[in-house]
Amino acid sequence: MAFSIIDSCINCWACQPLCPTHAIYEAQPHFLITASQCTECAGHYADPQCASICPVEGAILDSTGHALNPLGSLTGLPA
């Protein structure tokens, strides 16, 4: 049970301060998530905070590899 951040991350710093377990850290070339610390916000918030704030569609994946904010989810435009 952990999310991951992929290469499309633009290091905007939006997600890092919102993580209740401090699982998100700055790395090169983009932010990463420490899997052992990520609780997917369970017990803290109803929705994952990192995905809720991320301005890049498809940058954060769930444990099965599906984007939490897939293409078109932020703009309303079809992928």
PDB file of N, CA and C in Angstrom:
ATOM      1  N   MET A   1       0.841  -1.180   0.000  1.00  0.00           N
ATOM      2  CA  MET A   1       0.000   0.000   0.000  1.00  0.00           C
ATOM      3  C   MET A   1       0.879   1.233   0.000  1.00  0.00           C
ATOM      4  N   ALA A   2       1.136   1.772  -1.189  1.00  0.00           N
ATOM      5  CA  ALA A   2       1.928   2.994  -1.299  1.00  0.00           C
ATOM      6  C   ALA A   2       1.763   3.588  -2.680  1.00  0.00           C
ATOM      7  N   PHE A   3       1.847   4.890  -2.747  1.00  0.00           N
ATOM      8  CA  PHE A   3       1.820   5.593  -4.015  1.00  0.00           C
ATOM      9  C   PHE A   3       3.239   5.765  -4.509  1.00  0.00           C
ATOM     10  N   SER A   4       3.357   6.158  -5.780  1.00  0.00           N
ATOM     11  CA  SER A   4       4.667   6.481  -6.336  1.00  0.00           C
ATOM     12  C   SER A   4       4.531   7.695  -7.240  1.00  0.00           C
ATOM     13  N   ILE A   5       5.618   8.428  -7.369  1.00  0.00           N
ATOM     14  CA  ILE A   5       5.676   9.601  -8.232  1.00  0.00           C
ATOM     15  C   ILE A   5       6.604   9.251  -9.387  1.00  0.00           C
ATOM     16  N   ILE A   6       6.146   9.545 -10.606  1.00  0.00           N
ATOM     17  CA  ILE A   6       6.936   9.171 -11.782  1.00  0.00           C
ATOM     18  C   ILE A   6       7.625  10.395 -12.406  1.00  0.00           C
ATOM     19  N   ASP A   7       8.353  10.144 -13.480  1.00  0.00           N
ATOM     20  CA  ASP A   7       9.198  11.157 -14.117  1.00  0.00           C
ATOM     21  C   ASP A   7       8.484  12.422 -14.577  1.00  0.00           C
ATOM     22  N   SER A   8       7.186  12.374 -14.761  1.00  0.00           N
ATOM     23  CA  SER A   8       6.489  13.572 -15.223  1.00  0.00           C
ATOM     24  C   SER A   8       6.345  14.637 -14.129  1.00  0.00           C
ATOM     25  N   CYS A   9       6.721  14.308 -12.907  1.00  0.00           N
ATOM     26  CA  CYS A   9       6.723  15.270 -11.791  1.00  0.00           C
ATOM     27  C   CYS A   9       7.601  16.460 -12.168  1.00  0.00           C
ATOM     28  N   ILE A  10       7.123  17.667 -11.882  1.00  0.00           N
ATOM     29  CA  ILE A  10       7.868  18.879 -12.228  1.00  0.00           C
ATOM     30  C   ILE A  10       8.505  19.553 -11.006  1.00  0.00           C
ATOM     31  N   ASN A  11       8.555  18.868  -9.883  1.00  0.00           N
ATOM     32  CA  ASN A  11       9.142  19.416  -8.653  1.00  0.00           C
ATOM     33  C   ASN A  11       8.521  20.756  -8.258  1.00  0.00           C
ATOM     34  N   CYS A  12       7.210  20.827  -8.258  1.00  0.00           N
ATOM     35  CA  CYS A  12       6.538  22.088  -7.939  1.00  0.00           C
ATOM     36  C   CYS A  12       6.392  22.310  -6.433  1.00  0.00           C
ATOM     37  N   TRP A  13       6.664  21.310  -5.635  1.00  0.00           N
ATOM     38  CA  TRP A  13       6.582  21.364  -4.164  1.00  0.00           C
ATOM     39  C   TRP A  13       5.158  21.406  -3.628  1.00  0.00           C
ATOM     40  N   ALA A  14       4.140  21.192  -4.439  1.00  0.00           N
ATOM     41  CA  ALA A  14       2.767  21.255  -3.947  1.00  0.00           C
ATOM     42  C   ALA A  14       2.445  20.098  -3.003  1.00  0.00           C
ATOM     43  N   CYS A  15       2.910  18.904  -3.318  1.00  0.00           N
ATOM     44  CA  CYS A  15       2.538  17.719  -2.550  1.00  0.00           C
ATOM     45  C   CYS A  15       3.329  17.534  -1.260  1.00  0.00           C
ATOM     46  N   GLN A  16       4.584  17.846  -1.284  1.00  0.00           N
ATOM     47  CA  GLN A  16       5.485  17.521  -0.169  1.00  0.00           C
ATOM     48  C   GLN A  16       5.008  18.041   1.182  1.00  0.00           C
ATOM     49  N   PRO A  17       4.612  19.299   1.304  1.00  0.00           N
ATOM     50  CA  PRO A  17       4.186  19.772   2.634  1.00  0.00           C
ATOM     51  C   PRO A  17       2.839  19.205   3.098  1.00  0.00           C
ATOM     52  N   LEU A  18       2.050  18.641   2.194  1.00  0.00           N
ATOM     53  CA  LEU A  18       0.740  18.109   2.560  1.00  0.00           C
ATOM     54  C   LEU A  18       0.763  16.675   3.063  1.00  0.00           C
ATOM     55  N   CYS A  19       1.852  15.958   2.855  1.00  0.00           N
ATOM     56  CA  CYS A  19       1.914  14.550   3.229  1.00  0.00           C
ATOM     57  C   CYS A  19       1.919  14.395   4.751  1.00  0.00           C
ATOM     58  N   PRO A  20       0.891  13.736   5.315  1.00  0.00           N
ATOM     59  CA  PRO A  20       0.800  13.630   6.774  1.00  0.00           C
ATOM     60  C   PRO A  20       1.861  12.717   7.392  1.00  0.00           C
ATOM     61  N   THR A  21       2.470  11.856   6.591  1.00  0.00           N
ATOM     62  CA  THR A  21       3.481  10.938   7.125  1.00  0.00           C
ATOM     63  C   THR A  21       4.899  11.297   6.678  1.00  0.00           C
ATOM     64  N   HIS A  22       5.041  12.422   6.001  1.00  0.00           N
ATOM     65  CA  HIS A  22       6.349  12.895   5.524  1.00  0.00           C
ATOM     66  C   HIS A  22       7.039  11.862   4.636  1.00  0.00           C
ATOM     67  N   ALA A  23       6.240  11.176   3.814  1.00  0.00           N
ATOM     68  CA  ALA A  23       6.773  10.134   2.933  1.00  0.00           C
ATOM     69  C   ALA A  23       7.334  10.704   1.633  1.00  0.00           C
ATOM     70  N   ILE A  24       6.992  11.934   1.298  1.00  0.00           N
ATOM     71  CA  ILE A  24       7.438  12.539   0.047  1.00  0.00           C
ATOM     72  C   ILE A  24       8.713  13.332   0.301  1.00  0.00           C
ATOM     73  N   TYR A  25       9.714  13.080  -0.539  1.00  0.00           N
ATOM     74  CA  TYR A  25      10.983  13.791  -0.383  1.00  0.00           C
ATOM     75  C   TYR A  25      11.524  14.214  -1.734  1.00  0.00           C
ATOM     76  N   GLU A  26      12.333  15.276  -1.695  1.00  0.00           N
ATOM     77  CA  GLU A  26      12.925  15.795  -2.922  1.00  0.00           C
ATOM     78  C   GLU A  26      14.104  14.930  -3.328  1.00  0.00           C
ATOM     79  N   ALA A  27      14.112  14.543  -4.565  1.00  0.00           N
ATOM     80  CA  ALA A  27      15.211  13.772  -5.130  1.00  0.00           C
ATOM     81  C   ALA A  27      15.452  14.307  -6.538  1.00  0.00           C
ATOM     82  N   GLN A  28      16.416  13.783  -7.194  1.00  0.00           N
ATOM     83  CA  GLN A  28      16.676  14.195  -8.574  1.00  0.00           C
ATOM     84  C   GLN A  28      16.281  13.082  -9.499  1.00  0.00           C
ATOM     85  N   PRO A  29      15.574  13.300 -10.553  1.00  0.00           N
ATOM     86  CA  PRO A  29      15.166  14.610 -11.070  1.00  0.00           C
ATOM     87  C   PRO A  29      13.776  15.044 -10.606  1.00  0.00           C
ATOM     88  N   HIS A  30      13.127  14.284  -9.742  1.00  0.00           N
ATOM     89  CA  HIS A  30      11.787  14.651  -9.281  1.00  0.00           C
ATOM     90  C   HIS A  30      11.559  14.117  -7.867  1.00  0.00           C
ATOM     91  N   PHE A  31      10.426  14.496  -7.277  1.00  0.00           N
ATOM     92  CA  PHE A  31      10.082  14.012  -5.945  1.00  0.00           C
ATOM     93  C   PHE A  31       9.831  12.509  -5.972  1.00  0.00           C
ATOM     94  N   LEU A  32      10.030  11.875  -4.839  1.00  0.00           N
ATOM     95  CA  LEU A  32       9.787  10.449  -4.685  1.00  0.00           C
ATOM     96  C   LEU A  32       8.994  10.214  -3.409  1.00  0.00           C
ATOM     97  N   ILE A  33       8.449   9.013  -3.269  1.00  0.00           N
ATOM     98  CA  ILE A  33       7.690   8.635  -2.079  1.00  0.00           C
ATOM     99  C   ILE A  33       8.357   7.422  -1.451  1.00  0.00           C
ATOM    100  N   THR A  34       8.617   7.501  -0.149  1.00  0.00           N
ATOM    101  CA  THR A  34       9.144   6.360   0.594  1.00  0.00           C
ATOM    102  C   THR A  34       7.982   5.408   0.850  1.00  0.00           C
ATOM    103  N   ALA A  35       8.003   4.262   0.186  1.00  0.00           N
ATOM    104  CA  ALA A  35       6.881   3.322   0.238  1.00  0.00           C
ATOM    105  C   ALA A  35       6.557   2.877   1.665  1.00  0.00           C
ATOM    106  N   SER A  36       7.561   2.675   2.476  1.00  0.00           N
ATOM    107  CA  SER A  36       7.325   2.195   3.843  1.00  0.00           C
ATOM    108  C   SER A  36       6.643   3.240   4.719  1.00  0.00           C
ATOM    109  N   GLN A  37       6.682   4.505   4.324  1.00  0.00           N
ATOM    110  CA  GLN A  37       6.046   5.572   5.093  1.00  0.00           C
ATOM    111  C   GLN A  37       4.678   5.964   4.544  1.00  0.00           C
ATOM    112  N   CYS A  38       4.423   5.667   3.278  1.00  0.00           N
ATOM    113  CA  CYS A  38       3.173   6.088   2.634  1.00  0.00           C
ATOM    114  C   CYS A  38       2.013   5.229   3.111  1.00  0.00           C
ATOM    115  N   THR A  39       1.002   5.883   3.656  1.00  0.00           N
ATOM    116  CA  THR A  39      -0.209   5.197   4.103  1.00  0.00           C
ATOM    117  C   THR A  39      -1.390   5.493   3.192  1.00  0.00           C
ATOM    118  N   GLU A  40      -1.117   6.188   2.081  1.00  0.00           N
ATOM    119  CA  GLU A  40      -2.167   6.646   1.166  1.00  0.00           C
ATOM    120  C   GLU A  40      -3.155   7.552   1.901  1.00  0.00           C
ATOM    121  N   CYS A  41      -2.683   8.205   2.931  1.00  0.00           N
ATOM    122  CA  CYS A  41      -3.439   9.135   3.778  1.00  0.00           C
ATOM    123  C   CYS A  41      -4.512   8.455   4.631  1.00  0.00           C
ATOM    124  N   ALA A  42      -4.526   7.119   4.656  1.00  0.00           N
ATOM    125  CA  ALA A  42      -5.496   6.393   5.476  1.00  0.00           C
ATOM    126  C   ALA A  42      -5.303   6.784   6.941  1.00  0.00           C
ATOM    127  N   GLY A  43      -6.397   7.082   7.588  1.00  0.00           N
ATOM    128  CA  GLY A  43      -6.353   7.485   8.985  1.00  0.00           C
ATOM    129  C   GLY A  43      -6.091   8.970   9.185  1.00  0.00           C
ATOM    130  N   HIS A  44      -5.809   9.672   8.083  1.00  0.00           N
ATOM    131  CA  HIS A  44      -5.548  11.111   8.167  1.00  0.00           C
ATOM    132  C   HIS A  44      -6.563  11.913   7.361  1.00  0.00           C
ATOM    133  N   TYR A  45      -6.777  11.493   6.111  1.00  0.00           N
ATOM    134  CA  TYR A  45      -7.674  12.203   5.204  1.00  0.00           C
ATOM    135  C   TYR A  45      -8.491  11.203   4.403  1.00  0.00           C
ATOM    136  N   ALA A  46      -9.640  11.637   3.909  1.00  0.00           N
ATOM    137  CA  ALA A  46     -10.484  10.774   3.081  1.00  0.00           C
ATOM    138  C   ALA A  46      -9.889  10.589   1.688  1.00  0.00           C
ATOM    139  N   ASP A  47      -9.192  11.605   1.186  1.00  0.00           N
ATOM    140  CA  ASP A  47      -8.584  11.558  -0.140  1.00  0.00           C
ATOM    141  C   ASP A  47      -7.072  11.731  -0.025  1.00  0.00           C
ATOM    142  N   PRO A  48      -6.322  11.104  -0.917  1.00  0.00           N
ATOM    143  CA  PRO A  48      -4.869  11.273  -0.898  1.00  0.00           C
ATOM    144  C   PRO A  48      -4.504  12.728  -1.184  1.00  0.00           C
ATOM    145  N   GLN A  49      -3.807  13.328  -0.280  1.00  0.00           N
ATOM    146  CA  GLN A  49      -3.484  14.741  -0.401  1.00  0.00           C
ATOM    147  C   GLN A  49      -2.540  15.048  -1.556  1.00  0.00           C
ATOM    148  N   CYS A  50      -1.577  14.188  -1.796  1.00  0.00           N
ATOM    149  CA  CYS A  50      -0.623  14.437  -2.881  1.00  0.00           C
ATOM    150  C   CYS A  50      -1.335  14.481  -4.225  1.00  0.00           C
ATOM    151  N   ALA A  51      -2.219  13.542  -4.478  1.00  0.00           N
ATOM    152  CA  ALA A  51      -2.940  13.494  -5.753  1.00  0.00           C
ATOM    153  C   ALA A  51      -3.965  14.622  -5.845  1.00  0.00           C
ATOM    154  N   SER A  52      -4.517  15.033  -4.716  1.00  0.00           N
ATOM    155  CA  SER A  52      -5.513  16.100  -4.717  1.00  0.00           C
ATOM    156  C   SER A  52      -4.922  17.431  -5.141  1.00  0.00           C
ATOM    157  N   ILE A  53      -3.656  17.660  -4.862  1.00  0.00           N
ATOM    158  CA  ILE A  53      -3.020  18.943  -5.147  1.00  0.00           C
ATOM    159  C   ILE A  53      -2.132  18.920  -6.385  1.00  0.00           C
ATOM    160  N   CYS A  54      -1.746  17.751  -6.849  1.00  0.00           N
ATOM    161  CA  CYS A  54      -0.787  17.631  -7.955  1.00  0.00           C
ATOM    162  C   CYS A  54      -1.316  18.290  -9.237  1.00  0.00           C
ATOM    163  N   PRO A  55      -0.558  19.233  -9.818  1.00  0.00           N
ATOM    164  CA  PRO A  55      -0.995  19.890 -11.050  1.00  0.00           C
ATOM    165  C   PRO A  55      -0.626  19.127 -12.323  1.00  0.00           C
ATOM    166  N   VAL A  56       0.032  17.987 -12.187  1.00  0.00           N
ATOM    167  CA  VAL A  56       0.469  17.217 -13.349  1.00  0.00           C
ATOM    168  C   VAL A  56      -0.341  15.928 -13.443  1.00  0.00           C
ATOM    169  N   GLU A  57      -1.158  15.839 -14.459  1.00  0.00           N
ATOM    170  CA  GLU A  57      -1.982  14.641 -14.645  1.00  0.00           C
ATOM    171  C   GLU A  57      -1.101  13.420 -14.858  1.00  0.00           C
ATOM    172  N   GLY A  58      -1.399  12.353 -14.135  1.00  0.00           N
ATOM    173  CA  GLY A  58      -0.690  11.099 -14.299  1.00  0.00           C
ATOM    174  C   GLY A  58       0.642  10.992 -13.590  1.00  0.00           C
ATOM    175  N   ALA A  59       1.007  11.970 -12.775  1.00  0.00           N
ATOM    176  CA  ALA A  59       2.320  11.955 -12.116  1.00  0.00           C
ATOM    177  C   ALA A  59       2.364  11.065 -10.885  1.00  0.00           C
ATOM    178  N   ILE A  60       1.226  10.794 -10.274  1.00  0.00           N
ATOM    179  CA  ILE A  60       1.188   9.979  -9.056  1.00  0.00           C
ATOM    180  C   ILE A  60       0.376   8.717  -9.332  1.00  0.00           C
ATOM    181  N   LEU A  61       0.999   7.579  -9.046  1.00  0.00           N
ATOM    182  CA  LEU A  61       0.373   6.288  -9.317  1.00  0.00           C
ATOM    183  C   LEU A  61       0.029   5.578  -8.016  1.00  0.00           C
ATOM    184  N   ASP A  62      -1.048   4.781  -8.053  1.00  0.00           N
ATOM    185  CA  ASP A  62      -1.377   3.962  -6.889  1.00  0.00           C
ATOM    186  C   ASP A  62      -0.524   2.694  -6.917  1.00  0.00           C
ATOM    187  N   SER A  63      -0.742   1.811  -5.969  1.00  0.00           N
ATOM    188  CA  SER A  63       0.103   0.615  -5.853  1.00  0.00           C
ATOM    189  C   SER A  63      -0.071  -0.359  -7.012  1.00  0.00           C
ATOM    190  N   THR A  64      -1.143  -0.192  -7.803  1.00  0.00           N
ATOM    191  CA  THR A  64      -1.335  -1.062  -8.965  1.00  0.00           C
ATOM    192  C   THR A  64      -0.831  -0.428 -10.259  1.00  0.00           C
ATOM    193  N   GLY A  65      -0.304   0.793 -10.165  1.00  0.00           N
ATOM    194  CA  GLY A  65       0.238   1.474 -11.335  1.00  0.00           C
ATOM    195  C   GLY A  65      -0.739   2.359 -12.081  1.00  0.00           C
ATOM    196  N   HIS A  66      -1.923   2.567 -11.519  1.00  0.00           N
ATOM    197  CA  HIS A  66      -2.919   3.436 -12.152  1.00  0.00           C
ATOM    198  C   HIS A  66      -2.748   4.868 -11.651  1.00  0.00           C
ATOM    199  N   ALA A  67      -2.876   5.817 -12.572  1.00  0.00           N
ATOM    200  CA  ALA A  67      -2.749   7.232 -12.221  1.00  0.00           C
ATOM    201  C   ALA A  67      -3.898   7.667 -11.327  1.00  0.00           C
ATOM    202  N   LEU A  68      -3.570   8.385 -10.253  1.00  0.00           N
ATOM    203  CA  LEU A  68      -4.600   8.886  -9.345  1.00  0.00           C
ATOM    204  C   LEU A  68      -5.318  10.093  -9.930  1.00  0.00           C
ATOM    205  N   ASN A  69      -4.646  10.823 -10.789  1.00  0.00           N
ATOM    206  CA  ASN A  69      -5.258  11.931 -11.515  1.00  0.00           C
ATOM    207  C   ASN A  69      -4.922  11.736 -12.999  1.00  0.00           C
ATOM    208  N   PRO A  70      -5.678  10.848 -13.678  1.00  0.00           N
ATOM    209  CA  PRO A  70      -5.362  10.492 -15.059  1.00  0.00           C
ATOM    210  C   PRO A  70      -5.530  11.652 -16.031  1.00  0.00           C
ATOM    211  N   LEU A  71      -5.006  11.468 -17.232  1.00  0.00           N
ATOM    212  CA  LEU A  71      -5.118  12.485 -18.261  1.00  0.00           C
ATOM    213  C   LEU A  71      -6.571  12.914 -18.445  1.00  0.00           C
ATOM    214  N   GLY A  72      -6.793  14.213 -18.473  1.00  0.00           N
ATOM    215  CA  GLY A  72      -8.125  14.762 -18.621  1.00  0.00           C
ATOM    216  C   GLY A  72      -8.843  15.034 -17.320  1.00  0.00           C
ATOM    217  N   SER A  73      -8.342  14.511 -16.217  1.00  0.00           N
ATOM    218  CA  SER A  73      -9.035  14.677 -14.935  1.00  0.00           C
ATOM    219  C   SER A  73      -8.968  16.097 -14.394  1.00  0.00           C
ATOM    220  N   LEU A  74      -7.928  16.812 -14.714  1.00  0.00           N
ATOM    221  CA  LEU A  74      -7.795  18.177 -14.211  1.00  0.00           C
ATOM    222  C   LEU A  74      -8.356  19.210 -15.171  1.00  0.00           C
ATOM    223  N   THR A  75      -8.250  18.936 -16.451  1.00  0.00           N
ATOM    224  CA  THR A  75      -8.702  19.904 -17.451  1.00  0.00           C
ATOM    225  C   THR A  75     -10.114  19.644 -17.940  1.00  0.00           C
ATOM    226  N   GLY A  76     -10.579  18.406 -17.792  1.00  0.00           N
ATOM    227  CA  GLY A  76     -11.880  18.043 -18.312  1.00  0.00           C
ATOM    228  C   GLY A  76     -11.860  17.751 -19.806  1.00  0.00           C
ATOM    229  N   LEU A  77     -10.654  17.821 -20.399  1.00  0.00           N
ATOM    230  CA  LEU A  77     -10.498  17.534 -21.821  1.00  0.00           C
ATOM    231  C   LEU A  77     -10.212  16.050 -21.995  1.00  0.00           C
ATOM    232  N   PRO A  78     -10.758  15.445 -23.031  1.00  0.00           N
ATOM    233  CA  PRO A  78     -10.471  14.028 -23.252  1.00  0.00           C
ATOM    234  C   PRO A  78      -8.991  13.802 -23.548  1.00  0.00           C
ATOM    235  N   ALA A  79      -8.486  12.650 -23.117  1.00  0.00           N
ATOM    236  CA  ALA A  79      -7.076  12.339 -23.316  1.00  0.00           C
ATOM    237  C   ALA A  79      -6.784  12.079 -24.783  1.00  0.00           C
TER     238      ALA A  79
END
